[in-house]
């Protein structure tokens, strides 16, 4: 049975799709990993996977390319049979109950308040998802909050305190880096620097971004 990672955020422009894409590339090197979303039409995540596939086909690269699926056409039950890891990029709260690991990228006052208050709507969604899992005899998911904004120390302390009450862990910060956005757009990420044909494309900022991603992956997936 697959380990299901759901990436869901309180508001928009949090880097949710970027995180799903990069995490999938990282895990695909060692696990049968698939990415999926609930978009009704072609999504940035689908285009990212297609670009990597075409780079391998047309330029003889050897990039790890996790398969992409849409929940408009597939179900968790079908994918569970063939994958080790499923990474779902979804804005819809109805999918929270499927998570073994829930990652909430966080930015802005709206996001901060939503995960810091026990009576927020987002906290209610989390609680309902946990109840549904419990009713099915499943363990509670591991909830990870990932700040990617310039929160001041007082705001970070607020998140740490809220995590102790609401049951989430605070991950190392992922900065809003142009390198991540370029990777999602072009199909070649900072994680691909070890590819012999691509080494000359990377410079120091790319290496910093790569190290940051690997630190985050080690936090959520220690075996990797």
N, C-alpha and C. Protein backbone atom coordinates (compact mmCIF):
# COMPACT_ATOMS: atom_id res chain seq x y z
N UNK A 1 0.84 -1.20 0.00
CA UNK A 1 0.00 0.00 0.00
C UNK A 1 0.87 1.25 0.00
N UNK A 2 0.48 2.24 -0.77
CA UNK A 2 1.28 3.45 -0.93
C UNK A 2 1.21 4.35 0.30
N UNK A 3 2.29 5.08 0.52
CA UNK A 3 2.31 6.16 1.49
C UNK A 3 1.76 7.39 0.78
N UNK A 4 0.71 8.00 1.31
CA UNK A 4 0.05 9.12 0.64
C UNK A 4 0.44 10.43 1.31
N UNK A 5 1.03 11.32 0.52
CA UNK A 5 1.40 12.66 0.99
C UNK A 5 0.45 13.65 0.33
N UNK A 6 -0.33 14.35 1.13
CA UNK A 6 -1.25 15.36 0.61
C UNK A 6 -0.67 16.74 0.91
N UNK A 7 -0.57 17.59 -0.11
CA UNK A 7 -0.09 18.96 0.07
C UNK A 7 -1.27 19.89 -0.14
N UNK A 8 -1.65 20.57 0.92
CA UNK A 8 -2.86 21.39 0.92
C UNK A 8 -2.57 22.67 1.67
N UNK A 9 -3.02 23.80 1.16
CA UNK A 9 -2.73 25.08 1.82
C UNK A 9 -4.00 25.85 2.13
N UNK A 10 -3.85 26.79 3.03
CA UNK A 10 -4.97 27.62 3.47
C UNK A 10 -5.37 28.61 2.39
N UNK A 11 -4.37 29.21 1.75
CA UNK A 11 -4.62 30.25 0.75
C UNK A 11 -3.81 29.97 -0.52
N UNK A 12 -3.82 30.89 -1.45
CA UNK A 12 -3.13 30.70 -2.73
C UNK A 12 -1.70 31.21 -2.67
N UNK A 13 -0.93 30.87 -3.70
CA UNK A 13 0.44 31.35 -3.87
C UNK A 13 1.35 30.96 -2.71
N UNK A 14 1.18 29.74 -2.23
CA UNK A 14 2.00 29.26 -1.12
C UNK A 14 3.14 28.35 -1.58
N UNK A 15 3.22 28.04 -2.86
CA UNK A 15 4.24 27.13 -3.36
C UNK A 15 3.84 25.67 -3.26
N UNK A 16 2.55 25.41 -3.20
CA UNK A 16 2.04 24.04 -3.03
C UNK A 16 2.45 23.14 -4.20
N UNK A 17 2.20 23.59 -5.42
CA UNK A 17 2.52 22.79 -6.61
C UNK A 17 4.02 22.65 -6.78
N UNK A 18 4.76 23.70 -6.51
CA UNK A 18 6.22 23.64 -6.58
C UNK A 18 6.75 22.58 -5.63
N UNK A 19 6.22 22.55 -4.42
CA UNK A 19 6.67 21.57 -3.44
C UNK A 19 6.33 20.15 -3.87
N UNK A 20 5.13 19.96 -4.39
CA UNK A 20 4.73 18.63 -4.85
C UNK A 20 5.66 18.14 -5.96
N UNK A 21 5.98 19.01 -6.91
CA UNK A 21 6.84 18.63 -8.03
C UNK A 21 8.24 18.26 -7.58
N UNK A 22 8.84 19.09 -6.75
CA UNK A 22 10.21 18.85 -6.32
C UNK A 22 10.30 17.63 -5.39
N UNK A 23 9.34 17.48 -4.52
CA UNK A 23 9.34 16.33 -3.62
C UNK A 23 9.18 15.03 -4.41
N UNK A 24 8.35 15.06 -5.43
CA UNK A 24 8.15 13.88 -6.26
C UNK A 24 9.43 13.49 -7.00
N UNK A 25 10.13 14.48 -7.54
CA UNK A 25 11.40 14.21 -8.24
C UNK A 25 12.41 13.59 -7.28
N UNK A 26 12.47 14.11 -6.07
CA UNK A 26 13.43 13.62 -5.09
C UNK A 26 13.13 12.17 -4.69
N UNK A 27 11.87 11.86 -4.43
CA UNK A 27 11.50 10.52 -3.98
C UNK A 27 11.49 9.51 -5.12
N UNK A 28 11.27 9.98 -6.34
CA UNK A 28 11.19 9.06 -7.49
C UNK A 28 12.51 8.38 -7.78
N UNK A 29 13.60 8.93 -7.27
CA UNK A 29 14.90 8.31 -7.50
C UNK A 29 15.01 6.97 -6.77
N UNK A 30 14.23 6.78 -5.70
CA UNK A 30 14.35 5.57 -4.88
C UNK A 30 13.05 4.81 -4.68
N UNK A 31 11.92 5.43 -4.99
CA UNK A 31 10.63 4.79 -4.74
C UNK A 31 9.74 4.89 -5.98
N UNK A 32 8.81 3.94 -6.10
CA UNK A 32 7.79 4.05 -7.14
C UNK A 32 6.84 5.18 -6.72
N UNK A 33 7.09 6.36 -7.27
CA UNK A 33 6.39 7.57 -6.85
C UNK A 33 5.52 8.09 -7.97
N UNK A 34 4.31 8.50 -7.63
CA UNK A 34 3.41 9.12 -8.61
C UNK A 34 2.91 10.44 -8.05
N UNK A 35 2.64 11.39 -8.94
CA UNK A 35 2.04 12.66 -8.53
C UNK A 35 0.64 12.74 -9.10
N UNK A 36 -0.23 13.36 -8.37
CA UNK A 36 -1.60 13.51 -8.84
C UNK A 36 -2.20 14.78 -8.28
N UNK A 37 -3.21 15.26 -8.97
CA UNK A 37 -3.96 16.41 -8.49
C UNK A 37 -5.42 16.23 -8.85
N UNK A 38 -6.22 17.17 -8.40
CA UNK A 38 -7.66 17.07 -8.62
C UNK A 38 -8.15 18.11 -9.62
N UNK A 39 -7.21 18.68 -10.39
CA UNK A 39 -7.59 19.72 -11.37
C UNK A 39 -8.46 19.13 -12.47
N UNK A 40 -9.51 19.85 -12.86
CA UNK A 40 -10.38 19.35 -13.92
C UNK A 40 -9.76 19.43 -15.31
N UNK A 41 -8.71 20.23 -15.46
CA UNK A 41 -8.03 20.37 -16.76
C UNK A 41 -6.54 20.20 -16.55
N UNK A 42 -5.75 20.36 -17.63
CA UNK A 42 -4.30 20.23 -17.52
C UNK A 42 -3.77 21.24 -16.50
N UNK A 43 -2.89 20.78 -15.63
CA UNK A 43 -2.41 21.60 -14.53
C UNK A 43 -0.92 21.88 -14.68
N UNK A 44 -0.37 22.85 -13.93
CA UNK A 44 1.08 23.08 -13.95
C UNK A 44 1.86 21.82 -13.59
N UNK A 45 1.32 21.00 -12.70
CA UNK A 45 2.00 19.77 -12.31
C UNK A 45 2.07 18.80 -13.49
N UNK A 46 0.97 18.71 -14.25
CA UNK A 46 0.96 17.84 -15.43
C UNK A 46 1.96 18.33 -16.48
N UNK A 47 2.04 19.64 -16.69
CA UNK A 47 2.98 20.19 -17.67
C UNK A 47 4.43 19.95 -17.23
N UNK A 48 4.68 20.06 -15.94
CA UNK A 48 6.02 19.82 -15.41
C UNK A 48 6.48 18.39 -15.72
N UNK A 49 5.62 17.42 -15.44
CA UNK A 49 5.96 16.02 -15.70
C UNK A 49 6.14 15.78 -17.20
N UNK A 50 5.28 16.38 -18.02
CA UNK A 50 5.38 16.21 -19.47
C UNK A 50 6.69 16.79 -20.01
N UNK A 51 7.13 17.92 -19.47
CA UNK A 51 8.38 18.52 -19.93
C UNK A 51 9.57 17.64 -19.60
N UNK A 52 9.56 17.02 -18.42
CA UNK A 52 10.65 16.12 -18.05
C UNK A 52 10.67 14.89 -18.98
N UNK A 53 9.52 14.38 -19.26
CA UNK A 53 9.43 13.23 -20.16
C UNK A 53 9.98 13.59 -21.55
N UNK A 54 9.61 14.75 -22.04
CA UNK A 54 10.07 15.18 -23.37
C UNK A 54 11.56 15.47 -23.40
N UNK A 55 12.12 16.00 -22.31
CA UNK A 55 13.56 16.23 -22.23
C UNK A 55 14.32 14.90 -22.32
N UNK A 56 13.82 13.89 -21.63
CA UNK A 56 14.45 12.58 -21.71
C UNK A 56 14.37 12.01 -23.13
N UNK A 57 13.24 12.22 -23.76
CA UNK A 57 13.00 11.67 -25.09
C UNK A 57 13.82 12.38 -26.16
N UNK A 58 13.86 13.71 -26.07
CA UNK A 58 14.47 14.50 -27.15
C UNK A 58 15.94 14.82 -26.95
N UNK A 59 16.40 14.82 -25.68
CA UNK A 59 17.79 15.19 -25.41
C UNK A 59 18.58 14.08 -24.74
N UNK A 60 17.96 12.91 -24.62
CA UNK A 60 18.63 11.76 -24.02
C UNK A 60 19.08 12.01 -22.58
N UNK A 61 18.32 12.83 -21.85
CA UNK A 61 18.59 12.99 -20.42
C UNK A 61 18.11 11.74 -19.70
N UNK A 62 18.45 11.65 -18.43
CA UNK A 62 18.01 10.53 -17.61
C UNK A 62 17.34 11.05 -16.35
N UNK A 63 16.41 11.98 -16.51
CA UNK A 63 15.73 12.60 -15.38
C UNK A 63 14.69 11.63 -14.80
N UNK A 64 14.62 11.53 -13.46
CA UNK A 64 13.52 10.76 -12.89
C UNK A 64 12.18 11.43 -13.20
N UNK A 65 11.26 10.66 -13.75
CA UNK A 65 9.97 11.21 -14.17
C UNK A 65 8.84 10.41 -13.50
N UNK A 66 8.36 10.88 -12.36
CA UNK A 66 7.23 10.19 -11.74
C UNK A 66 5.99 10.33 -12.60
N UNK A 67 5.20 9.28 -12.75
CA UNK A 67 3.98 9.40 -13.56
C UNK A 67 2.98 10.37 -12.92
N UNK A 68 2.20 10.99 -13.78
CA UNK A 68 1.17 11.94 -13.34
C UNK A 68 -0.22 11.34 -13.56
N UNK A 69 -1.09 11.55 -12.58
CA UNK A 69 -2.48 11.11 -12.69
C UNK A 69 -3.40 12.22 -12.21
N UNK A 70 -4.60 12.22 -12.72
CA UNK A 70 -5.64 13.16 -12.27
C UNK A 70 -6.72 12.38 -11.53
N UNK A 71 -7.13 12.91 -10.41
CA UNK A 71 -8.21 12.26 -9.65
C UNK A 71 -9.56 12.46 -10.32
N UNK A 72 -9.56 13.18 -11.43
CA UNK A 72 -10.77 13.23 -12.25
C UNK A 72 -10.95 11.89 -12.99
N UNK A 73 -9.85 11.13 -13.11
CA UNK A 73 -9.90 9.89 -13.90
C UNK A 73 -9.49 8.66 -13.08
N UNK A 74 -8.65 8.83 -12.07
CA UNK A 74 -8.13 7.72 -11.29
C UNK A 74 -8.64 7.79 -9.85
N UNK A 75 -8.44 6.70 -9.12
CA UNK A 75 -8.81 6.67 -7.70
C UNK A 75 -7.61 6.24 -6.88
N UNK A 76 -7.62 6.59 -5.59
CA UNK A 76 -6.55 6.17 -4.70
C UNK A 76 -6.45 4.64 -4.66
N UNK A 77 -7.59 3.98 -4.70
CA UNK A 77 -7.61 2.52 -4.60
C UNK A 77 -6.82 1.89 -5.74
N UNK A 78 -6.98 2.41 -6.96
CA UNK A 78 -6.26 1.86 -8.12
C UNK A 78 -4.77 2.13 -8.02
N UNK A 79 -4.40 3.35 -7.63
CA UNK A 79 -2.99 3.74 -7.60
C UNK A 79 -2.25 3.10 -6.43
N UNK A 80 -2.95 2.80 -5.36
CA UNK A 80 -2.34 2.17 -4.19
C UNK A 80 -1.69 0.85 -4.52
N UNK A 81 -2.15 0.19 -5.56
CA UNK A 81 -1.67 -1.15 -5.90
C UNK A 81 -0.32 -1.12 -6.61
N UNK A 82 0.05 0.00 -7.19
CA UNK A 82 1.24 0.03 -8.04
C UNK A 82 2.33 0.99 -7.56
N UNK A 83 2.07 1.78 -6.52
CA UNK A 83 3.02 2.82 -6.11
C UNK A 83 3.46 2.64 -4.66
N UNK A 84 4.68 3.12 -4.39
CA UNK A 84 5.16 3.20 -3.01
C UNK A 84 4.73 4.51 -2.36
N UNK A 85 4.74 5.59 -3.16
CA UNK A 85 4.42 6.93 -2.65
C UNK A 85 3.48 7.62 -3.63
N UNK A 86 2.43 8.21 -3.11
CA UNK A 86 1.54 9.07 -3.90
C UNK A 86 1.61 10.47 -3.32
N UNK A 87 1.86 11.45 -4.19
CA UNK A 87 1.92 12.85 -3.75
C UNK A 87 0.77 13.60 -4.41
N UNK A 88 -0.15 14.07 -3.59
CA UNK A 88 -1.35 14.74 -4.09
C UNK A 88 -1.25 16.24 -3.86
N UNK A 89 -1.31 17.00 -4.93
CA UNK A 89 -1.37 18.46 -4.88
C UNK A 89 -2.84 18.84 -5.01
N UNK A 90 -3.45 19.25 -3.91
CA UNK A 90 -4.89 19.52 -3.98
C UNK A 90 -5.29 20.67 -3.07
N UNK A 91 -6.13 21.58 -3.57
CA UNK A 91 -6.68 22.63 -2.73
C UNK A 91 -7.95 22.21 -1.99
N UNK A 92 -8.42 20.99 -2.25
CA UNK A 92 -9.72 20.56 -1.73
C UNK A 92 -9.57 19.82 -0.40
N UNK A 93 -10.32 20.27 0.59
CA UNK A 93 -10.21 19.69 1.93
C UNK A 93 -10.75 18.26 1.99
N UNK A 94 -11.57 17.86 1.03
CA UNK A 94 -12.14 16.51 1.09
C UNK A 94 -11.09 15.42 0.96
N UNK A 95 -9.89 15.78 0.47
CA UNK A 95 -8.84 14.78 0.32
C UNK A 95 -7.93 14.67 1.55
N UNK A 96 -8.12 15.51 2.54
CA UNK A 96 -7.26 15.46 3.73
C UNK A 96 -7.32 14.12 4.42
N UNK A 97 -8.48 13.49 4.40
CA UNK A 97 -8.66 12.23 5.13
C UNK A 97 -7.81 11.10 4.55
N UNK A 98 -7.32 11.24 3.31
CA UNK A 98 -6.53 10.19 2.69
C UNK A 98 -5.06 10.27 3.06
N UNK A 99 -4.66 11.35 3.70
CA UNK A 99 -3.24 11.60 3.94
C UNK A 99 -2.66 10.68 5.01
N UNK A 100 -1.47 10.15 4.74
CA UNK A 100 -0.62 9.59 5.79
C UNK A 100 0.27 10.70 6.32
N UNK A 101 0.67 11.59 5.41
CA UNK A 101 1.41 12.80 5.77
C UNK A 101 0.71 13.98 5.11
N UNK A 102 0.34 14.96 5.89
CA UNK A 102 -0.26 16.20 5.37
C UNK A 102 0.75 17.32 5.50
N UNK A 103 1.04 18.00 4.39
CA UNK A 103 1.95 19.14 4.40
C UNK A 103 1.16 20.39 4.06
N UNK A 104 1.26 21.40 4.93
CA UNK A 104 0.58 22.67 4.72
C UNK A 104 1.61 23.77 4.51
N UNK A 105 1.92 24.16 3.26
CA UNK A 105 2.78 25.33 3.03
C UNK A 105 2.07 26.58 3.55
N UNK A 106 2.86 27.47 4.13
CA UNK A 106 2.24 28.58 4.86
C UNK A 106 2.89 29.91 4.53
N UNK A 107 2.05 30.87 4.18
CA UNK A 107 2.56 32.23 4.04
C UNK A 107 1.44 33.22 4.32
N UNK A 108 1.84 34.42 4.76
CA UNK A 108 0.89 35.50 5.00
C UNK A 108 0.14 35.38 6.31
N UNK A 109 -0.49 36.50 6.70
CA UNK A 109 -1.24 36.54 7.96
C UNK A 109 -2.42 35.59 7.94
N UNK A 110 -3.06 35.44 6.76
CA UNK A 110 -4.20 34.54 6.67
C UNK A 110 -3.81 33.11 7.00
N UNK A 111 -2.69 32.66 6.42
CA UNK A 111 -2.22 31.32 6.71
C UNK A 111 -1.80 31.16 8.15
N UNK A 112 -1.08 32.14 8.66
CA UNK A 112 -0.62 32.09 10.05
C UNK A 112 -1.79 31.96 11.02
N UNK A 113 -2.81 32.77 10.82
CA UNK A 113 -3.96 32.75 11.73
C UNK A 113 -4.75 31.44 11.61
N UNK A 114 -4.81 30.90 10.38
CA UNK A 114 -5.61 29.69 10.16
C UNK A 114 -5.05 28.48 10.88
N UNK A 115 -3.72 28.37 10.95
CA UNK A 115 -3.14 27.20 11.60
C UNK A 115 -2.76 27.46 13.06
N UNK A 116 -2.94 28.69 13.51
CA UNK A 116 -2.58 29.02 14.89
C UNK A 116 -3.78 29.01 15.83
N UNK A 117 -4.99 29.08 15.27
CA UNK A 117 -6.19 29.18 16.10
C UNK A 117 -6.95 27.86 16.12
N UNK A 118 -7.24 27.36 17.30
CA UNK A 118 -7.95 26.09 17.43
C UNK A 118 -9.38 26.17 16.90
N UNK A 119 -9.94 27.39 16.82
CA UNK A 119 -11.32 27.54 16.36
C UNK A 119 -11.41 28.01 14.91
N UNK A 120 -10.30 27.93 14.15
CA UNK A 120 -10.32 28.35 12.75
C UNK A 120 -11.02 27.32 11.89
N UNK A 121 -11.45 27.73 10.71
CA UNK A 121 -12.10 26.82 9.77
C UNK A 121 -11.13 25.72 9.33
N UNK A 122 -9.87 26.08 9.12
CA UNK A 122 -8.90 25.09 8.68
C UNK A 122 -8.67 24.03 9.77
N UNK A 123 -8.60 24.46 11.01
CA UNK A 123 -8.46 23.51 12.12
C UNK A 123 -9.65 22.56 12.17
N UNK A 124 -10.83 23.08 11.83
CA UNK A 124 -12.03 22.23 11.80
C UNK A 124 -11.92 21.19 10.69
N UNK A 125 -11.40 21.59 9.52
CA UNK A 125 -11.19 20.64 8.42
C UNK A 125 -10.24 19.52 8.85
N UNK A 126 -9.16 19.90 9.53
CA UNK A 126 -8.19 18.91 10.00
C UNK A 126 -8.83 17.93 10.97
N UNK A 127 -9.61 18.46 11.90
CA UNK A 127 -10.26 17.63 12.90
C UNK A 127 -11.24 16.65 12.25
N UNK A 128 -12.01 17.13 11.28
CA UNK A 128 -12.97 16.27 10.59
C UNK A 128 -12.25 15.15 9.82
N UNK A 129 -11.13 15.48 9.20
CA UNK A 129 -10.37 14.48 8.45
C UNK A 129 -9.83 13.41 9.40
N UNK A 130 -9.37 13.83 10.56
CA UNK A 130 -8.86 12.86 11.54
C UNK A 130 -9.98 11.96 12.04
N UNK A 131 -11.16 12.52 12.25
CA UNK A 131 -12.29 11.71 12.70
C UNK A 131 -12.69 10.67 11.65
N UNK A 132 -12.66 11.07 10.39
CA UNK A 132 -13.01 10.13 9.32
C UNK A 132 -12.01 8.99 9.24
N UNK A 133 -10.73 9.31 9.42
CA UNK A 133 -9.71 8.25 9.41
C UNK A 133 -9.92 7.31 10.60
N UNK A 134 -10.20 7.88 11.76
CA UNK A 134 -10.41 7.06 12.95
C UNK A 134 -11.61 6.13 12.78
N UNK A 135 -12.66 6.63 12.13
CA UNK A 135 -13.86 5.81 11.90
C UNK A 135 -13.56 4.63 10.99
N UNK A 136 -12.54 4.77 10.14
CA UNK A 136 -12.14 3.69 9.24
C UNK A 136 -11.05 2.81 9.84
N UNK A 137 -10.67 3.09 11.08
CA UNK A 137 -9.64 2.31 11.74
C UNK A 137 -8.23 2.66 11.32
N UNK A 138 -8.04 3.86 10.77
CA UNK A 138 -6.72 4.29 10.31
C UNK A 138 -6.07 5.19 11.35
N UNK A 139 -4.74 5.17 11.37
CA UNK A 139 -4.01 6.06 12.27
C UNK A 139 -4.17 7.51 11.83
N UNK A 140 -3.99 8.41 12.78
CA UNK A 140 -4.02 9.84 12.44
C UNK A 140 -2.83 10.17 11.54
N UNK A 141 -3.05 11.09 10.61
CA UNK A 141 -1.94 11.48 9.73
C UNK A 141 -0.95 12.36 10.49
N UNK A 142 0.26 12.39 9.97
CA UNK A 142 1.28 13.31 10.49
C UNK A 142 1.10 14.64 9.77
N UNK A 143 0.91 15.70 10.53
CA UNK A 143 0.65 17.02 9.96
C UNK A 143 1.90 17.88 10.09
N UNK A 144 2.38 18.39 8.96
CA UNK A 144 3.58 19.21 8.92
C UNK A 144 3.23 20.57 8.32
N UNK A 145 3.57 21.62 9.02
CA UNK A 145 3.37 22.98 8.53
C UNK A 145 4.73 23.51 8.07
N UNK A 146 4.76 24.01 6.83
CA UNK A 146 6.01 24.48 6.23
C UNK A 146 5.94 25.97 5.93
N UNK A 147 6.54 26.81 6.77
CA UNK A 147 6.52 28.26 6.49
C UNK A 147 7.43 28.60 5.31
N UNK A 148 6.93 29.41 4.38
CA UNK A 148 7.78 29.87 3.27
C UNK A 148 7.61 31.37 3.09
N UNK A 149 7.51 32.05 4.22
CA UNK A 149 7.38 33.50 4.23
C UNK A 149 8.33 34.05 5.29
N UNK A 150 8.53 35.35 5.29
CA UNK A 150 9.43 35.97 6.26
C UNK A 150 8.72 36.24 7.58
N UNK A 151 8.31 35.18 8.25
CA UNK A 151 7.66 35.34 9.54
C UNK A 151 8.69 35.81 10.57
N UNK A 152 8.28 36.75 11.41
CA UNK A 152 9.17 37.26 12.45
C UNK A 152 9.23 36.26 13.60
N UNK A 153 10.25 36.35 14.47
CA UNK A 153 10.39 35.37 15.56
C UNK A 153 9.14 35.19 16.41
N UNK A 154 8.42 36.27 16.68
CA UNK A 154 7.20 36.16 17.49
C UNK A 154 6.15 35.30 16.79
N UNK A 155 6.09 35.41 15.46
CA UNK A 155 5.13 34.61 14.70
C UNK A 155 5.54 33.13 14.66
N UNK A 156 6.84 32.89 14.55
CA UNK A 156 7.33 31.51 14.59
C UNK A 156 7.03 30.89 15.96
N UNK A 157 7.24 31.65 17.02
CA UNK A 157 6.93 31.16 18.37
C UNK A 157 5.45 30.84 18.51
N UNK A 158 4.62 31.65 17.87
CA UNK A 158 3.18 31.41 17.88
C UNK A 158 2.85 30.08 17.20
N UNK A 159 3.53 29.81 16.10
CA UNK A 159 3.32 28.55 15.38
C UNK A 159 3.80 27.36 16.21
N UNK A 160 4.94 27.50 16.85
CA UNK A 160 5.46 26.42 17.69
C UNK A 160 4.48 26.09 18.81
N UNK A 161 3.94 27.12 19.44
CA UNK A 161 2.96 26.91 20.52
C UNK A 161 1.69 26.27 20.00
N UNK A 162 1.21 26.75 18.83
CA UNK A 162 -0.01 26.19 18.24
C UNK A 162 0.19 24.73 17.86
N UNK A 163 1.39 24.40 17.39
CA UNK A 163 1.66 23.02 17.00
C UNK A 163 1.52 22.06 18.16
N UNK A 164 1.91 22.49 19.34
CA UNK A 164 1.80 21.63 20.52
C UNK A 164 0.34 21.36 20.89
N UNK A 165 -0.54 22.32 20.57
CA UNK A 165 -1.96 22.18 20.89
C UNK A 165 -2.71 21.45 19.79
N UNK A 166 -2.44 21.83 18.54
CA UNK A 166 -3.20 21.29 17.40
C UNK A 166 -2.58 20.04 16.80
N UNK A 167 -1.33 19.74 17.17
CA UNK A 167 -0.74 18.49 16.74
C UNK A 167 0.02 18.53 15.43
N UNK A 168 0.58 19.69 15.05
CA UNK A 168 1.42 19.72 13.85
C UNK A 168 2.87 19.98 14.21
N UNK A 169 3.76 19.58 13.30
CA UNK A 169 5.19 19.85 13.42
C UNK A 169 5.55 21.00 12.49
N UNK A 170 6.48 21.83 12.93
CA UNK A 170 6.91 22.96 12.12
C UNK A 170 8.19 22.58 11.38
N UNK A 171 8.11 22.54 10.06
CA UNK A 171 9.24 22.14 9.23
C UNK A 171 10.20 23.30 9.03
N UNK A 172 11.44 23.02 8.60
CA UNK A 172 12.36 24.11 8.23
C UNK A 172 11.75 24.95 7.12
N UNK A 173 12.04 26.23 7.16
CA UNK A 173 11.47 27.15 6.18
C UNK A 173 11.97 26.86 4.77
N UNK A 174 11.06 26.93 3.80
CA UNK A 174 11.42 26.92 2.38
C UNK A 174 11.22 28.32 1.84
N UNK A 175 12.27 28.94 1.38
CA UNK A 175 12.16 30.31 0.89
C UNK A 175 11.46 30.35 -0.47
N UNK A 176 10.94 31.52 -0.79
CA UNK A 176 10.36 31.75 -2.12
C UNK A 176 11.52 32.05 -3.07
N UNK A 177 12.03 31.02 -3.72
CA UNK A 177 13.21 31.17 -4.57
C UNK A 177 12.83 31.12 -6.05
N UNK A 178 13.48 31.98 -6.83
CA UNK A 178 13.25 31.96 -8.29
C UNK A 178 13.67 30.62 -8.88
N UNK A 179 14.68 29.97 -8.28
CA UNK A 179 15.15 28.69 -8.79
C UNK A 179 14.06 27.62 -8.75
N UNK A 180 13.21 27.66 -7.73
CA UNK A 180 12.12 26.68 -7.65
C UNK A 180 11.09 26.93 -8.74
N UNK A 181 10.76 28.20 -8.93
CA UNK A 181 9.77 28.56 -9.95
C UNK A 181 10.27 28.20 -11.35
N UNK A 182 11.55 28.43 -11.61
CA UNK A 182 12.13 28.10 -12.91
C UNK A 182 12.10 26.60 -13.15
N UNK A 183 12.37 25.82 -12.10
CA UNK A 183 12.34 24.38 -12.23
C UNK A 183 10.96 23.87 -12.60
N UNK A 184 9.94 24.44 -11.97
CA UNK A 184 8.57 24.04 -12.27
C UNK A 184 8.20 24.42 -13.70
N UNK A 185 8.70 25.54 -14.15
CA UNK A 185 8.38 26.04 -15.49
C UNK A 185 9.12 25.25 -16.58
N UNK A 186 10.40 24.95 -16.34
CA UNK A 186 11.24 24.38 -17.39
C UNK A 186 11.35 22.85 -17.35
N UNK A 187 10.99 22.26 -16.22
CA UNK A 187 11.10 20.81 -16.10
C UNK A 187 12.42 20.32 -15.56
N UNK A 188 13.43 21.17 -15.50
CA UNK A 188 14.74 20.83 -14.94
C UNK A 188 14.87 21.55 -13.60
N UNK A 189 15.07 20.80 -12.53
CA UNK A 189 15.10 21.40 -11.20
C UNK A 189 16.51 21.44 -10.63
N UNK A 190 16.66 22.12 -9.52
CA UNK A 190 17.96 22.17 -8.84
C UNK A 190 18.36 20.79 -8.33
N UNK A 191 17.44 19.86 -8.29
CA UNK A 191 17.73 18.50 -7.85
C UNK A 191 18.40 17.67 -8.95
N UNK A 192 18.46 18.21 -10.16
CA UNK A 192 19.00 17.47 -11.29
C UNK A 192 20.46 17.79 -11.58
N UNK A 193 21.12 18.45 -10.65
CA UNK A 193 22.49 18.91 -10.92
C UNK A 193 23.49 17.77 -11.11
N UNK A 194 23.17 16.57 -10.64
CA UNK A 194 24.09 15.45 -10.78
C UNK A 194 24.01 14.79 -12.15
N UNK A 195 23.06 15.22 -12.96
CA UNK A 195 22.98 14.69 -14.33
C UNK A 195 24.17 15.22 -15.13
N UNK A 196 25.01 14.33 -15.71
CA UNK A 196 26.22 14.79 -16.40
C UNK A 196 25.96 15.85 -17.47
N UNK A 197 24.87 15.74 -18.20
CA UNK A 197 24.60 16.67 -19.29
C UNK A 197 24.11 18.03 -18.79
N UNK A 198 23.82 18.13 -17.49
CA UNK A 198 23.20 19.35 -16.98
C UNK A 198 24.06 20.12 -15.98
N UNK A 199 25.21 19.59 -15.63
CA UNK A 199 26.00 20.20 -14.56
C UNK A 199 26.36 21.66 -14.82
N UNK A 200 26.59 22.01 -16.07
CA UNK A 200 27.00 23.38 -16.39
C UNK A 200 25.86 24.38 -16.26
N UNK A 201 24.63 23.90 -16.08
CA UNK A 201 23.49 24.81 -15.98
C UNK A 201 23.32 25.40 -14.59
N UNK A 202 24.04 24.87 -13.59
CA UNK A 202 23.77 25.24 -12.21
C UNK A 202 24.87 26.12 -11.64
N UNK A 203 24.47 27.08 -10.80
CA UNK A 203 25.43 27.93 -10.11
C UNK A 203 25.15 27.90 -8.61
N UNK A 204 25.77 28.80 -7.87
CA UNK A 204 25.72 28.75 -6.40
C UNK A 204 24.30 28.87 -5.84
N UNK A 205 23.47 29.81 -6.32
CA UNK A 205 22.10 29.87 -5.79
C UNK A 205 21.33 28.57 -5.97
N UNK A 206 21.58 27.87 -7.07
CA UNK A 206 20.92 26.59 -7.29
C UNK A 206 21.34 25.57 -6.23
N UNK A 207 22.60 25.59 -5.86
CA UNK A 207 23.10 24.66 -4.86
C UNK A 207 22.51 24.95 -3.49
N UNK A 208 22.35 26.24 -3.16
CA UNK A 208 21.69 26.61 -1.90
C UNK A 208 20.25 26.12 -1.89
N UNK A 209 19.55 26.30 -3.01
CA UNK A 209 18.16 25.87 -3.10
C UNK A 209 18.06 24.36 -2.97
N UNK A 210 18.98 23.65 -3.61
CA UNK A 210 19.00 22.18 -3.53
C UNK A 210 19.20 21.71 -2.09
N UNK A 211 20.14 22.34 -1.41
CA UNK A 211 20.41 21.97 -0.01
C UNK A 211 19.18 22.21 0.87
N UNK A 212 18.48 23.31 0.60
CA UNK A 212 17.27 23.63 1.36
C UNK A 212 16.19 22.57 1.15
N UNK A 213 16.01 22.14 -0.09
CA UNK A 213 15.02 21.10 -0.39
C UNK A 213 15.37 19.79 0.27
N UNK A 214 16.64 19.44 0.25
CA UNK A 214 17.06 18.17 0.85
C UNK A 214 16.89 18.21 2.37
N UNK A 215 17.11 19.35 2.98
CA UNK A 215 16.87 19.48 4.41
C UNK A 215 15.40 19.30 4.74
N UNK A 216 14.55 19.86 3.90
CA UNK A 216 13.12 19.70 4.11
C UNK A 216 12.70 18.24 3.93
N UNK A 217 13.21 17.59 2.88
CA UNK A 217 12.87 16.19 2.64
C UNK A 217 13.32 15.30 3.78
N UNK A 218 14.50 15.58 4.35
CA UNK A 218 14.98 14.78 5.47
C UNK A 218 14.10 14.94 6.70
N UNK A 219 13.45 16.10 6.82
CA UNK A 219 12.57 16.34 7.95
C UNK A 219 11.30 15.52 7.83
N UNK A 220 10.72 15.46 6.62
CA UNK A 220 9.44 14.77 6.48
C UNK A 220 9.62 13.29 6.14
N UNK A 221 10.77 12.93 5.61
CA UNK A 221 10.98 11.56 5.12
C UNK A 221 12.38 11.12 5.55
N UNK A 222 12.60 10.84 6.83
CA UNK A 222 13.95 10.56 7.34
C UNK A 222 14.66 9.42 6.63
N UNK A 223 13.88 8.44 6.12
CA UNK A 223 14.50 7.30 5.43
C UNK A 223 15.22 7.73 4.17
N UNK A 224 14.76 8.88 3.56
CA UNK A 224 15.38 9.38 2.32
C UNK A 224 16.65 10.12 2.64
